[in-house]
Amino acid sequence: MQHRNSQKRDFIDNNVYFIVTKTFQNFPYFKELIFCELLVEELKLCKEVKKFKLYGFCIIYDHLNLMIHPNNEFNISKIMRSLKENISRDINYIIMNNHNEGDTSTCRLRMRDLIKNYQTKFIQKHVQNQTLIPKFKWQKSFYDHIIRDAKDFKNHYHYTIYNFQKHKLPENWKYTSLNYEELVDGIEL
């Protein structure tokens, strides 16, 4: 049963999708570079577990752009749910210094040390500055667009990987797939 506010999605096999998901009330959580690093690690893990192809991504202060090709087992809703749930839990663990929220599966064990390391850095930085960061949340749902042809792919690919320029982030912005060649799949046009 779908939630009454759920967006209806077309799941057509063998499609590439352009996806945008935003933080709740556009809060700039990803100004905190530790959270960008963590999101990249979660993206790697999600890609491994959900077995999708990743053609491009860009993390902006308040949103994430992706270009993915799901497999037949996991559609874009399942992929996005997993990614959003896991990064939310991890960031909130760091923000809230909460040790009661455990991992959801053993495949996430490799993330524990990384999260604890980020938490230590976060606490050192924000205890001194008394910075208040609200509990991490994503906006409900996400925007998706089915790539229709090679031209559409090229346009959305370029938009995705260079989105940091549109938002006037530094020219050397690290959190785009331009800097993670090992994470992205080759383009098959």
C-alpha atoms as a PDB file:
ATOM      1  CA  MET A   1       0.000   0.000   0.000  1.00  0.00           C
ATOM      2  CA  GLN A   2       1.372   3.386  -0.952  1.00  0.00           C
ATOM      3  CA  HIS A   3       1.358   6.340   1.366  1.00  0.00           C
ATOM      4  CA  ARG A   4      -1.270   8.813   0.184  1.00  0.00           C
ATOM      5  CA  ASN A   5       1.429  11.410  -0.602  1.00  0.00           C
ATOM      6  CA  SER A   6       3.735   8.938  -2.365  1.00  0.00           C
ATOM      7  CA  GLN A   7       4.847   9.821  -5.827  1.00  0.00           C
ATOM      8  CA  LYS A   8       3.985   7.219  -8.438  1.00  0.00           C
ATOM      9  CA  ARG A   9       7.058   6.119 -10.363  1.00  0.00           C
ATOM     10  CA  ASP A  10       7.474   4.249 -13.605  1.00  0.00           C
ATOM     11  CA  PHE A  11       9.898   1.372 -13.224  1.00  0.00           C
ATOM     12  CA  ILE A  12      10.936   0.404 -16.702  1.00  0.00           C
ATOM     13  CA  ASP A  13      13.791  -2.053 -17.066  1.00  0.00           C
ATOM     14  CA  ASN A  14      17.100  -0.943 -18.505  1.00  0.00           C
ATOM     15  CA  ASN A  15      16.735   2.808 -17.978  1.00  0.00           C
ATOM     16  CA  VAL A  16      19.237   5.354 -16.757  1.00  0.00           C
ATOM     17  CA  TYR A  17      17.865   7.902 -14.282  1.00  0.00           C
ATOM     18  CA  PHE A  18      18.858  11.406 -13.322  1.00  0.00           C
ATOM     19  CA  ILE A  19      17.923  11.881  -9.642  1.00  0.00           C
ATOM     20  CA  VAL A  20      17.931  14.869  -7.292  1.00  0.00           C
ATOM     21  CA  THR A  21      17.276  14.543  -3.577  1.00  0.00           C
ATOM     22  CA  LYS A  22      17.290  17.491  -1.193  1.00  0.00           C
ATOM     23  CA  THR A  23      17.850  17.943   2.505  1.00  0.00           C
ATOM     24  CA  PHE A  24      14.904  18.884   4.692  1.00  0.00           C
ATOM     25  CA  GLN A  25      14.147  22.594   4.368  1.00  0.00           C
ATOM     26  CA  ASN A  26      17.293  22.874   2.223  1.00  0.00           C
ATOM     27  CA  PHE A  27      19.505  22.904   5.287  1.00  0.00           C
ATOM     28  CA  PRO A  28      23.172  22.991   4.129  1.00  0.00           C
ATOM     29  CA  TYR A  29      24.357  19.877   5.993  1.00  0.00           C
ATOM     30  CA  PHE A  30      26.972  19.170   3.346  1.00  0.00           C
ATOM     31  CA  LYS A  31      28.882  22.362   4.109  1.00  0.00           C
ATOM     32  CA  GLU A  32      30.332  20.037   6.730  1.00  0.00           C
ATOM     33  CA  LEU A  33      32.903  18.182   4.615  1.00  0.00           C
ATOM     34  CA  ILE A  34      32.883  15.205   6.970  1.00  0.00           C
ATOM     35  CA  PHE A  35      29.291  14.589   5.876  1.00  0.00           C
ATOM     36  CA  CYS A  36      30.317  14.786   2.208  1.00  0.00           C
ATOM     37  CA  GLU A  37      33.026  12.192   2.846  1.00  0.00           C
ATOM     38  CA  LEU A  38      30.533   9.981   4.620  1.00  0.00           C
ATOM     39  CA  LEU A  39      27.998  10.318   1.798  1.00  0.00           C
ATOM     40  CA  VAL A  40      30.621   9.214  -0.738  1.00  0.00           C
ATOM     41  CA  GLU A  41      31.378   6.161   1.424  1.00  0.00           C
ATOM     42  CA  GLU A  42      27.658   5.370   1.747  1.00  0.00           C
ATOM     43  CA  LEU A  43      27.286   5.743  -2.018  1.00  0.00           C
ATOM     44  CA  LYS A  44      30.102   3.208  -2.518  1.00  0.00           C
ATOM     45  CA  LEU A  45      28.475   0.753  -0.125  1.00  0.00           C
ATOM     46  CA  CYS A  46      24.985   1.239  -1.563  1.00  0.00           C
ATOM     47  CA  LYS A  47      26.321   0.708  -5.090  1.00  0.00           C
ATOM     48  CA  GLU A  48      27.996  -2.516  -3.995  1.00  0.00           C
ATOM     49  CA  VAL A  49      24.941  -3.862  -2.165  1.00  0.00           C
ATOM     50  CA  LYS A  50      22.217  -2.705  -4.581  1.00  0.00           C
ATOM     51  CA  LYS A  51      24.332  -3.464  -7.676  1.00  0.00           C
ATOM     52  CA  PHE A  52      23.480  -0.392  -9.747  1.00  0.00           C
ATOM     53  CA  LYS A  53      25.666   1.433 -12.228  1.00  0.00           C
ATOM     54  CA  LEU A  54      26.693   4.922 -11.212  1.00  0.00           C
ATOM     55  CA  TYR A  55      27.528   7.279 -14.062  1.00  0.00           C
ATOM     56  CA  GLY A  56      27.817  10.534 -12.165  1.00  0.00           C
ATOM     57  CA  PHE A  57      27.127  12.342  -8.915  1.00  0.00           C
ATOM     58  CA  CYS A  58      27.621  15.699  -7.272  1.00  0.00           C
ATOM     59  CA  ILE A  59      27.086  16.645  -3.646  1.00  0.00           C
ATOM     60  CA  ILE A  60      25.935  20.216  -3.073  1.00  0.00           C
ATOM     61  CA  TYR A  61      25.448  21.798   0.360  1.00  0.00           C
ATOM     62  CA  ASP A  62      21.725  20.981   0.413  1.00  0.00           C
ATOM     63  CA  HIS A  63      21.224  18.262  -2.205  1.00  0.00           C
ATOM     64  CA  LEU A  64      22.622  15.342  -4.150  1.00  0.00           C
ATOM     65  CA  ASN A  65      22.509  14.755  -7.915  1.00  0.00           C
ATOM     66  CA  LEU A  66      22.912  11.223  -9.259  1.00  0.00           C
ATOM     67  CA  MET A  67      22.867   9.439 -12.594  1.00  0.00           C
ATOM     68  CA  ILE A  68      22.249   5.736 -12.064  1.00  0.00           C
ATOM     69  CA  HIS A  69      21.225   2.620 -13.922  1.00  0.00           C
ATOM     70  CA  PRO A  70      19.432   0.223 -11.525  1.00  0.00           C
ATOM     71  CA  ASN A  71      19.480  -3.526 -12.000  1.00  0.00           C
ATOM     72  CA  ASN A  72      16.320  -5.622 -12.244  1.00  0.00           C
ATOM     73  CA  GLU A  73      16.384  -6.537  -8.536  1.00  0.00           C
ATOM     74  CA  PHE A  74      16.557  -3.031  -7.004  1.00  0.00           C
ATOM     75  CA  ASN A  75      14.618  -0.134  -8.539  1.00  0.00           C
ATOM     76  CA  ILE A  76      15.428   3.543  -7.932  1.00  0.00           C
ATOM     77  CA  SER A  77      13.040   3.793  -4.982  1.00  0.00           C
ATOM     78  CA  LYS A  78      14.760   0.910  -3.177  1.00  0.00           C
ATOM     79  CA  ILE A  79      18.184   2.352  -3.952  1.00  0.00           C
ATOM     80  CA  MET A  80      17.275   5.854  -2.781  1.00  0.00           C
ATOM     81  CA  ARG A  81      15.539   4.560   0.338  1.00  0.00           C
ATOM     82  CA  SER A  82      18.641   2.616   1.323  1.00  0.00           C
ATOM     83  CA  LEU A  83      21.021   5.482   0.608  1.00  0.00           C
ATOM     84  CA  LYS A  84      18.891   8.092   2.375  1.00  0.00           C
ATOM     85  CA  GLU A  85      18.171   5.928   5.440  1.00  0.00           C
ATOM     86  CA  ASN A  86      21.794   4.953   5.939  1.00  0.00           C
ATOM     87  CA  ILE A  87      23.318   8.387   5.514  1.00  0.00           C
ATOM     88  CA  SER A  88      20.639   9.899   7.756  1.00  0.00           C
ATOM     89  CA  ARG A  89      21.361   7.391  10.507  1.00  0.00           C
ATOM     90  CA  ASP A  90      25.127   7.880  10.187  1.00  0.00           C
ATOM     91  CA  ILE A  91      25.026  11.678  10.206  1.00  0.00           C
ATOM     92  CA  ASN A  92      22.619  11.734  13.139  1.00  0.00           C
ATOM     93  CA  TYR A  93      24.875   9.348  15.003  1.00  0.00           C
ATOM     94  CA  ILE A  94      27.672  11.888  14.561  1.00  0.00           C
ATOM     95  CA  ILE A  95      25.578  14.993  15.300  1.00  0.00           C
ATOM     96  CA  MET A  96      23.781  13.580  18.318  1.00  0.00           C
ATOM     97  CA  ASN A  97      26.770  11.649  19.649  1.00  0.00           C
ATOM     98  CA  ASN A  98      24.253   8.823  20.019  1.00  0.00           C
ATOM     99  CA  HIS A  99      25.683   5.376  20.638  1.00  0.00           C
ATOM    100  CA  ASN A 100      22.291   3.675  20.903  1.00  0.00           C
ATOM    101  CA  GLU A 101      21.489   3.693  17.190  1.00  0.00           C
ATOM    102  CA  GLY A 102      23.136   0.524  15.890  1.00  0.00           C
ATOM    103  CA  ASP A 103      23.941  -0.648  12.415  1.00  0.00           C
ATOM    104  CA  THR A 104      21.139  -2.267  10.468  1.00  0.00           C
ATOM    105  CA  SER A 105      23.199  -5.086   8.956  1.00  0.00           C
ATOM    106  CA  THR A 106      26.587  -6.733   9.061  1.00  0.00           C
ATOM    107  CA  CYS A 107      27.557  -5.296   5.657  1.00  0.00           C
ATOM    108  CA  ARG A 108      27.757  -1.946   7.415  1.00  0.00           C
ATOM    109  CA  LEU A 109      30.411  -3.116   9.883  1.00  0.00           C
ATOM    110  CA  ARG A 110      33.147  -1.598   7.756  1.00  0.00           C
ATOM    111  CA  MET A 111      31.538   1.822   8.263  1.00  0.00           C
ATOM    112  CA  ARG A 112      31.767   1.773  12.079  1.00  0.00           C
ATOM    113  CA  ASP A 113      35.380   2.904  12.449  1.00  0.00           C
ATOM    114  CA  LEU A 114      34.951   5.518   9.743  1.00  0.00           C
ATOM    115  CA  ILE A 115      31.851   6.943  11.439  1.00  0.00           C
ATOM    116  CA  LYS A 116      33.544   7.002  14.852  1.00  0.00           C
ATOM    117  CA  ASN A 117      36.538   8.808  13.340  1.00  0.00           C
ATOM    118  CA  TYR A 118      34.251  11.412  11.722  1.00  0.00           C
ATOM    119  CA  GLN A 119      32.358  11.774  14.973  1.00  0.00           C
ATOM    120  CA  THR A 120      35.570  12.583  16.849  1.00  0.00           C
ATOM    121  CA  LYS A 121      36.517  15.220  14.273  1.00  0.00           C
ATOM    122  CA  PHE A 122      33.012  16.671  14.304  1.00  0.00           C
ATOM    123  CA  ILE A 123      32.925  16.942  18.089  1.00  0.00           C
ATOM    124  CA  GLN A 124      36.355  18.587  18.200  1.00  0.00           C
ATOM    125  CA  LYS A 125      35.296  21.154  15.622  1.00  0.00           C
ATOM    126  CA  HIS A 126      31.814  21.950  16.912  1.00  0.00           C
ATOM    127  CA  VAL A 127      32.308  21.849  20.663  1.00  0.00           C
ATOM    128  CA  GLN A 128      34.717  24.772  20.323  1.00  0.00           C
ATOM    129  CA  ASN A 129      32.471  26.709  17.938  1.00  0.00           C
ATOM    130  CA  GLN A 130      29.172  25.800  19.641  1.00  0.00           C
ATOM    131  CA  THR A 131      27.653  25.274  16.199  1.00  0.00           C
ATOM    132  CA  LEU A 132      24.072  24.022  16.228  1.00  0.00           C
ATOM    133  CA  ILE A 133      23.200  21.559  13.525  1.00  0.00           C
ATOM    134  CA  PRO A 134      19.663  20.156  13.510  1.00  0.00           C
ATOM    135  CA  LYS A 135      18.931  16.465  13.270  1.00  0.00           C
ATOM    136  CA  PHE A 136      19.613  15.347   9.708  1.00  0.00           C
ATOM    137  CA  LYS A 137      16.603  14.718   7.490  1.00  0.00           C
ATOM    138  CA  TRP A 138      15.967  14.480   3.780  1.00  0.00           C
ATOM    139  CA  GLN A 139      12.927  15.963   2.126  1.00  0.00           C
ATOM    140  CA  LYS A 140      10.364  13.285   1.391  1.00  0.00           C
ATOM    141  CA  SER A 141      10.778  11.550  -1.925  1.00  0.00           C
ATOM    142  CA  PHE A 142      13.092  12.729  -4.712  1.00  0.00           C
ATOM    143  CA  TYR A 143      12.968  14.008  -8.271  1.00  0.00           C
ATOM    144  CA  ASP A 144      13.749  11.569 -11.074  1.00  0.00           C
ATOM    145  CA  HIS A 145      13.986  11.839 -14.834  1.00  0.00           C
ATOM    146  CA  ILE A 146      14.292   8.895 -17.244  1.00  0.00           C
ATOM    147  CA  ILE A 147      17.107   9.482 -19.724  1.00  0.00           C
ATOM    148  CA  ARG A 148      15.570   9.247 -23.181  1.00  0.00           C
ATOM    149  CA  ASP A 149      18.491   9.242 -25.616  1.00  0.00           C
ATOM    150  CA  ALA A 150      22.209   9.963 -26.020  1.00  0.00           C
ATOM    151  CA  LYS A 151      21.680  13.736 -26.150  1.00  0.00           C
ATOM    152  CA  ASP A 152      19.559  13.674 -23.004  1.00  0.00           C
ATOM    153  CA  PHE A 153      22.213  11.538 -21.297  1.00  0.00           C
ATOM    154  CA  LYS A 154      24.977  13.956 -22.270  1.00  0.00           C
ATOM    155  CA  ASN A 155      23.025  16.990 -21.032  1.00  0.00           C
ATOM    156  CA  HIS A 156      22.117  15.443 -17.669  1.00  0.00           C
ATOM    157  CA  TYR A 157      25.582  13.946 -17.226  1.00  0.00           C
ATOM    158  CA  HIS A 158      27.216  17.336 -17.758  1.00  0.00           C
ATOM    159  CA  TYR A 159      24.658  19.007 -15.465  1.00  0.00           C
ATOM    160  CA  THR A 160      25.287  16.391 -12.753  1.00  0.00           C
ATOM    161  CA  ILE A 161      29.067  16.369 -12.632  1.00  0.00           C
ATOM    162  CA  TYR A 162      29.444  20.147 -12.973  1.00  0.00           C
ATOM    163  CA  ASN A 163      26.523  21.105 -10.716  1.00  0.00           C
ATOM    164  CA  PHE A 164      28.964  22.523  -8.151  1.00  0.00           C
ATOM    165  CA  GLN A 165      29.815  25.313 -10.622  1.00  0.00           C
ATOM    166  CA  LYS A 166      26.164  26.324 -10.944  1.00  0.00           C
ATOM    167  CA  HIS A 167      26.031  26.678  -7.155  1.00  0.00           C
ATOM    168  CA  LYS A 168      29.257  28.694  -7.067  1.00  0.00           C
ATOM    169  CA  LEU A 169      31.194  26.175  -5.015  1.00  0.00           C
ATOM    170  CA  PRO A 170      34.999  26.253  -5.252  1.00  0.00           C
ATOM    171  CA  GLU A 171      36.521  25.254  -8.613  1.00  0.00           C
ATOM    172  CA  ASN A 172      38.386  22.466  -6.819  1.00  0.00           C
ATOM    173  CA  TRP A 173      35.162  21.052  -5.255  1.00  0.00           C
ATOM    174  CA  LYS A 174      36.018  17.468  -4.419  1.00  0.00           C
ATOM    175  CA  TYR A 175      32.558  15.934  -4.098  1.00  0.00           C
ATOM    176  CA  THR A 176      31.732  15.282  -7.720  1.00  0.00           C
ATOM    177  CA  SER A 177      32.271  12.084  -9.675  1.00  0.00           C
ATOM    178  CA  LEU A 178      35.011  13.903 -11.599  1.00  0.00           C
ATOM    179  CA  ASN A 179      37.223  13.105  -8.586  1.00  0.00           C
ATOM    180  CA  TYR A 180      36.071   9.516  -7.977  1.00  0.00           C
ATOM    181  CA  GLU A 181      36.827   7.673 -11.192  1.00  0.00           C
ATOM    182  CA  GLU A 182      37.064   4.370  -9.303  1.00  0.00           C
ATOM    183  CA  LEU A 183      33.448   4.759  -8.142  1.00  0.00           C
ATOM    184  CA  VAL A 184      31.778   5.541 -11.468  1.00  0.00           C
ATOM    185  CA  ASP A 185      31.009   3.139 -14.295  1.00  0.00           C
ATOM    186  CA  GLY A 186      32.035   3.636 -17.890  1.00  0.00           C
ATOM    187  CA  ILE A 187      29.470   5.282 -20.121  1.00  0.00           C
ATOM    188  CA  GLU A 188      27.760   2.961 -22.616  1.00  0.00           C
ATOM    189  CA  LEU A 189      26.069   5.011 -25.328  1.00  0.00           C
END
